[in-house]
């Protein structure tokens, strides 16, 4: 089990990625909620993992085959959403695009110069985010996917 401190662990997620179109493994940091019950609060923005978002409470257990804590199910949803963004226009600076969304209340993690994953907090109105995503997609600046859209963000 990998830990950064006494209160955080890494959890392995294994899933089929529609973005990569292959079986994929991703690890994410999580805060220990109740170690004996296997409950952890995600402390990362998922890059590829579908159906989970930061601050979700998940059940994970040690898997002998994987040799680490492995995600089994989401126990409590945070209300946060995750959006994946691909830069389609390589003349654009991905950090400027990320800053546009940061001004709207969304933090993101850059994977590389052409892809980032963004958290939409439960407290943020998704309509403004969606409008900007659609505008940039219409301009062929980006493409995006909504692998984890919380009920409060669905229109």
C-alpha atoms as a PDB file:
ATOM      1  CA  UNK A   1       0.000   0.000   0.000  1.00  0.00           C
ATOM      2  CA  UNK A   2       1.474   3.335  -1.093  1.00  0.00           C
ATOM      3  CA  UNK A   3       1.048   6.266   1.286  1.00  0.00           C
ATOM      4  CA  UNK A   4       2.248   9.877   1.275  1.00  0.00           C
ATOM      5  CA  UNK A   5       1.365  10.416   4.913  1.00  0.00           C
ATOM      6  CA  UNK A   6      -0.640   8.616   7.545  1.00  0.00           C
ATOM      7  CA  UNK A   7      -3.944   9.799   6.092  1.00  0.00           C
ATOM      8  CA  UNK A   8      -3.573   9.235   2.311  1.00  0.00           C
ATOM      9  CA  UNK A   9      -3.311   6.122   0.152  1.00  0.00           C
ATOM     10  CA  UNK A  10      -3.187   5.316  -3.541  1.00  0.00           C
ATOM     11  CA  UNK A  11      -6.091   3.330  -4.986  1.00  0.00           C
ATOM     12  CA  UNK A  12      -5.992   1.433  -8.268  1.00  0.00           C
ATOM     13  CA  UNK A  13      -8.901   1.719 -10.724  1.00  0.00           C
ATOM     14  CA  UNK A  14      -9.182  -0.803 -13.577  1.00  0.00           C
ATOM     15  CA  UNK A  15     -11.732  -0.060 -16.330  1.00  0.00           C
ATOM     16  CA  UNK A  16     -12.348   0.184 -20.057  1.00  0.00           C
ATOM     17  CA  UNK A  17     -11.459   3.679 -21.246  1.00  0.00           C
ATOM     18  CA  UNK A  18     -13.642   5.073 -24.030  1.00  0.00           C
ATOM     19  CA  UNK A  19     -11.053   7.835 -24.523  1.00  0.00           C
ATOM     20  CA  UNK A  20      -8.185   5.382 -25.036  1.00  0.00           C
ATOM     21  CA  UNK A  21     -10.446   2.552 -26.300  1.00  0.00           C
ATOM     22  CA  UNK A  22      -8.622  -0.040 -24.203  1.00  0.00           C
ATOM     23  CA  UNK A  23      -8.505  -1.639 -20.773  1.00  0.00           C
ATOM     24  CA  UNK A  24      -6.855   0.937 -18.562  1.00  0.00           C
ATOM     25  CA  UNK A  25      -5.396   1.270 -15.099  1.00  0.00           C
ATOM     26  CA  UNK A  26      -5.294   4.542 -13.203  1.00  0.00           C
ATOM     27  CA  UNK A  27      -4.200   5.217  -9.645  1.00  0.00           C
ATOM     28  CA  UNK A  28      -5.605   8.047  -7.555  1.00  0.00           C
ATOM     29  CA  UNK A  29      -4.838   9.506  -4.164  1.00  0.00           C
ATOM     30  CA  UNK A  30      -7.497   9.173  -1.502  1.00  0.00           C
ATOM     31  CA  UNK A  31      -7.898  10.260   2.085  1.00  0.00           C
ATOM     32  CA  UNK A  32      -8.608   7.488   4.597  1.00  0.00           C
ATOM     33  CA  UNK A  33     -12.161   7.778   5.941  1.00  0.00           C
ATOM     34  CA  UNK A  34     -12.426   4.406   7.707  1.00  0.00           C
ATOM     35  CA  UNK A  35      -9.592   1.986   6.963  1.00  0.00           C
ATOM     36  CA  UNK A  36     -11.280  -0.988   8.684  1.00  0.00           C
ATOM     37  CA  UNK A  37     -14.403  -0.576   6.541  1.00  0.00           C
ATOM     38  CA  UNK A  38     -12.327   0.129   3.404  1.00  0.00           C
ATOM     39  CA  UNK A  39     -13.731   3.638   2.928  1.00  0.00           C
ATOM     40  CA  UNK A  40     -11.695   6.355   1.225  1.00  0.00           C
ATOM     41  CA  UNK A  41     -12.427   9.874  -0.073  1.00  0.00           C
ATOM     42  CA  UNK A  42     -10.932  10.568  -3.514  1.00  0.00           C
ATOM     43  CA  UNK A  43      -8.389  13.373  -3.383  1.00  0.00           C
ATOM     44  CA  UNK A  44      -7.603  13.404  -7.121  1.00  0.00           C
ATOM     45  CA  UNK A  45      -9.329  14.477 -10.312  1.00  0.00           C
ATOM     46  CA  UNK A  46      -9.714  11.302 -12.405  1.00  0.00           C
ATOM     47  CA  UNK A  47      -7.879  11.513 -15.738  1.00  0.00           C
ATOM     48  CA  UNK A  48      -9.725   8.642 -17.400  1.00  0.00           C
ATOM     49  CA  UNK A  49     -11.751   6.687 -14.818  1.00  0.00           C
ATOM     50  CA  UNK A  50     -15.482   6.992 -15.543  1.00  0.00           C
ATOM     51  CA  UNK A  51     -18.252   7.419 -12.982  1.00  0.00           C
ATOM     52  CA  UNK A  52     -16.079   8.809 -10.162  1.00  0.00           C
ATOM     53  CA  UNK A  53     -15.178  12.354  -9.150  1.00  0.00           C
ATOM     54  CA  UNK A  54     -13.037  14.019  -6.523  1.00  0.00           C
ATOM     55  CA  UNK A  55     -14.427  13.838  -2.981  1.00  0.00           C
ATOM     56  CA  UNK A  56     -16.499  10.715  -3.746  1.00  0.00           C
ATOM     57  CA  UNK A  57     -16.351   8.132  -0.952  1.00  0.00           C
ATOM     58  CA  UNK A  58     -15.297   4.770  -2.376  1.00  0.00           C
ATOM     59  CA  UNK A  59     -14.906   1.255  -1.079  1.00  0.00           C
ATOM     60  CA  UNK A  60     -11.522  -0.280  -1.862  1.00  0.00           C
ATOM     61  CA  UNK A  61      -9.759  -3.379  -0.620  1.00  0.00           C
ATOM     62  CA  UNK A  62      -6.314  -4.880  -0.956  1.00  0.00           C
ATOM     63  CA  UNK A  63      -6.147  -7.064  -4.048  1.00  0.00           C
ATOM     64  CA  UNK A  64      -3.504  -9.808  -3.980  1.00  0.00           C
ATOM     65  CA  UNK A  65      -3.272  -9.950  -7.777  1.00  0.00           C
ATOM     66  CA  UNK A  66      -2.903  -6.166  -8.152  1.00  0.00           C
ATOM     67  CA  UNK A  67      -0.711  -5.933  -5.037  1.00  0.00           C
ATOM     68  CA  UNK A  68      -2.435  -2.750  -3.878  1.00  0.00           C
ATOM     69  CA  UNK A  69      -5.703  -1.187  -2.732  1.00  0.00           C
ATOM     70  CA  UNK A  70      -8.200  -1.611  -5.547  1.00  0.00           C
ATOM     71  CA  UNK A  71     -11.471   0.226  -6.179  1.00  0.00           C
ATOM     72  CA  UNK A  72     -14.603  -1.872  -5.822  1.00  0.00           C
ATOM     73  CA  UNK A  73     -17.514   0.604  -5.742  1.00  0.00           C
ATOM     74  CA  UNK A  74     -18.587   4.170  -5.021  1.00  0.00           C
ATOM     75  CA  UNK A  75     -20.379   4.390  -1.680  1.00  0.00           C
ATOM     76  CA  UNK A  76     -21.262   8.100  -1.608  1.00  0.00           C
ATOM     77  CA  UNK A  77     -21.214  10.609  -4.449  1.00  0.00           C
ATOM     78  CA  UNK A  78     -19.803  14.076  -3.718  1.00  0.00           C
ATOM     79  CA  UNK A  79     -21.939  15.910  -6.257  1.00  0.00           C
ATOM     80  CA  UNK A  80     -18.783  16.946  -8.130  1.00  0.00           C
ATOM     81  CA  UNK A  81     -18.482  16.189 -11.834  1.00  0.00           C
ATOM     82  CA  UNK A  82     -15.524  15.342 -14.059  1.00  0.00           C
ATOM     83  CA  UNK A  83     -15.103  16.557 -17.635  1.00  0.00           C
ATOM     84  CA  UNK A  84     -12.313  15.423 -19.974  1.00  0.00           C
ATOM     85  CA  UNK A  85     -11.031  17.995 -22.467  1.00  0.00           C
ATOM     86  CA  UNK A  86      -8.943  17.353 -25.583  1.00  0.00           C
ATOM     87  CA  UNK A  87      -7.294  20.244 -27.403  1.00  0.00           C
ATOM     88  CA  UNK A  88      -8.217  20.027 -31.099  1.00  0.00           C
ATOM     89  CA  UNK A  89      -6.449  23.215 -32.243  1.00  0.00           C
ATOM     90  CA  UNK A  90      -2.735  22.818 -31.556  1.00  0.00           C
ATOM     91  CA  UNK A  91      -2.159  26.540 -32.115  1.00  0.00           C
ATOM     92  CA  UNK A  92      -3.973  27.171 -28.807  1.00  0.00           C
ATOM     93  CA  UNK A  93      -2.260  27.139 -25.396  1.00  0.00           C
ATOM     94  CA  UNK A  94      -3.890  24.506 -23.199  1.00  0.00           C
ATOM     95  CA  UNK A  95      -3.086  26.512 -20.067  1.00  0.00           C
ATOM     96  CA  UNK A  96      -5.089  29.490 -21.363  1.00  0.00           C
ATOM     97  CA  UNK A  97      -8.075  27.163 -21.900  1.00  0.00           C
ATOM     98  CA  UNK A  98      -7.635  25.746 -18.396  1.00  0.00           C
ATOM     99  CA  UNK A  99      -7.532  29.303 -17.007  1.00  0.00           C
ATOM    100  CA  UNK A 100     -10.874  30.102 -18.697  1.00  0.00           C
ATOM    101  CA  UNK A 101     -12.481  27.317 -16.684  1.00  0.00           C
ATOM    102  CA  UNK A 102     -10.562  28.187 -13.532  1.00  0.00           C
ATOM    103  CA  UNK A 103     -12.191  31.642 -13.673  1.00  0.00           C
ATOM    104  CA  UNK A 104     -15.551  29.831 -13.779  1.00  0.00           C
ATOM    105  CA  UNK A 105     -14.676  27.887 -10.598  1.00  0.00           C
ATOM    106  CA  UNK A 106     -13.222  24.670 -12.041  1.00  0.00           C
ATOM    107  CA  UNK A 107      -9.802  23.255 -11.215  1.00  0.00           C
ATOM    108  CA  UNK A 108      -8.076  20.902 -13.621  1.00  0.00           C
ATOM    109  CA  UNK A 109      -5.111  18.570 -13.958  1.00  0.00           C
ATOM    110  CA  UNK A 110      -3.138  18.599 -17.184  1.00  0.00           C
ATOM    111  CA  UNK A 111      -2.106  15.206 -18.531  1.00  0.00           C
ATOM    112  CA  UNK A 112      -0.088  16.643 -21.432  1.00  0.00           C
ATOM    113  CA  UNK A 113      -0.174  19.591 -23.858  1.00  0.00           C
ATOM    114  CA  UNK A 114      -3.294  18.216 -25.517  1.00  0.00           C
ATOM    115  CA  UNK A 115      -5.453  16.814 -22.710  1.00  0.00           C
ATOM    116  CA  UNK A 116      -6.717  17.759 -19.260  1.00  0.00           C
ATOM    117  CA  UNK A 117      -9.313  16.563 -16.821  1.00  0.00           C
ATOM    118  CA  UNK A 118     -11.471  19.093 -15.001  1.00  0.00           C
ATOM    119  CA  UNK A 119     -13.474  19.030 -11.777  1.00  0.00           C
ATOM    120  CA  UNK A 120     -16.785  20.860 -11.628  1.00  0.00           C
ATOM    121  CA  UNK A 121     -17.521  21.339  -7.908  1.00  0.00           C
ATOM    122  CA  UNK A 122     -21.049  20.606  -6.723  1.00  0.00           C
ATOM    123  CA  UNK A 123     -21.405  24.293  -5.781  1.00  0.00           C
ATOM    124  CA  UNK A 124     -20.726  25.538  -9.342  1.00  0.00           C
ATOM    125  CA  UNK A 125     -23.570  26.068 -11.841  1.00  0.00           C
ATOM    126  CA  UNK A 126     -22.745  23.756 -14.734  1.00  0.00           C
ATOM    127  CA  UNK A 127     -24.758  25.782 -17.272  1.00  0.00           C
ATOM    128  CA  UNK A 128     -21.959  28.377 -17.600  1.00  0.00           C
ATOM    129  CA  UNK A 129     -19.299  25.658 -17.913  1.00  0.00           C
ATOM    130  CA  UNK A 130     -21.341  23.738 -20.493  1.00  0.00           C
ATOM    131  CA  UNK A 131     -21.925  26.926 -22.498  1.00  0.00           C
ATOM    132  CA  UNK A 132     -18.150  27.595 -22.648  1.00  0.00           C
ATOM    133  CA  UNK A 133     -17.382  23.942 -23.496  1.00  0.00           C
ATOM    134  CA  UNK A 134     -19.937  23.988 -26.323  1.00  0.00           C
ATOM    135  CA  UNK A 135     -18.652  27.330 -27.621  1.00  0.00           C
ATOM    136  CA  UNK A 136     -15.049  26.065 -27.735  1.00  0.00           C
ATOM    137  CA  UNK A 137     -16.156  22.784 -29.317  1.00  0.00           C
ATOM    138  CA  UNK A 138     -18.141  24.649 -32.013  1.00  0.00           C
ATOM    139  CA  UNK A 139     -14.997  26.680 -32.754  1.00  0.00           C
ATOM    140  CA  UNK A 140     -13.140  23.325 -33.074  1.00  0.00           C
ATOM    141  CA  UNK A 141     -10.741  24.419 -30.323  1.00  0.00           C
ATOM    142  CA  UNK A 142     -11.572  21.461 -28.055  1.00  0.00           C
ATOM    143  CA  UNK A 143     -13.488  18.237 -27.840  1.00  0.00           C
ATOM    144  CA  UNK A 144     -14.874  17.061 -24.506  1.00  0.00           C
ATOM    145  CA  UNK A 145     -16.537  14.185 -22.684  1.00  0.00           C
ATOM    146  CA  UNK A 146     -18.604  14.061 -19.495  1.00  0.00           C
ATOM    147  CA  UNK A 147     -17.660  10.671 -17.954  1.00  0.00           C
ATOM    148  CA  UNK A 148     -19.005  11.639 -14.530  1.00  0.00           C
ATOM    149  CA  UNK A 149     -21.831  14.158 -14.510  1.00  0.00           C
ATOM    150  CA  UNK A 150     -23.460  14.538 -11.088  1.00  0.00           C
ATOM    151  CA  UNK A 151     -27.249  14.737 -10.844  1.00  0.00           C
ATOM    152  CA  UNK A 152     -27.015  18.396  -9.805  1.00  0.00           C
ATOM    153  CA  UNK A 153     -25.175  19.219 -13.040  1.00  0.00           C
ATOM    154  CA  UNK A 154     -27.489  17.400 -15.448  1.00  0.00           C
ATOM    155  CA  UNK A 155     -29.685  19.757 -17.439  1.00  0.00           C
END
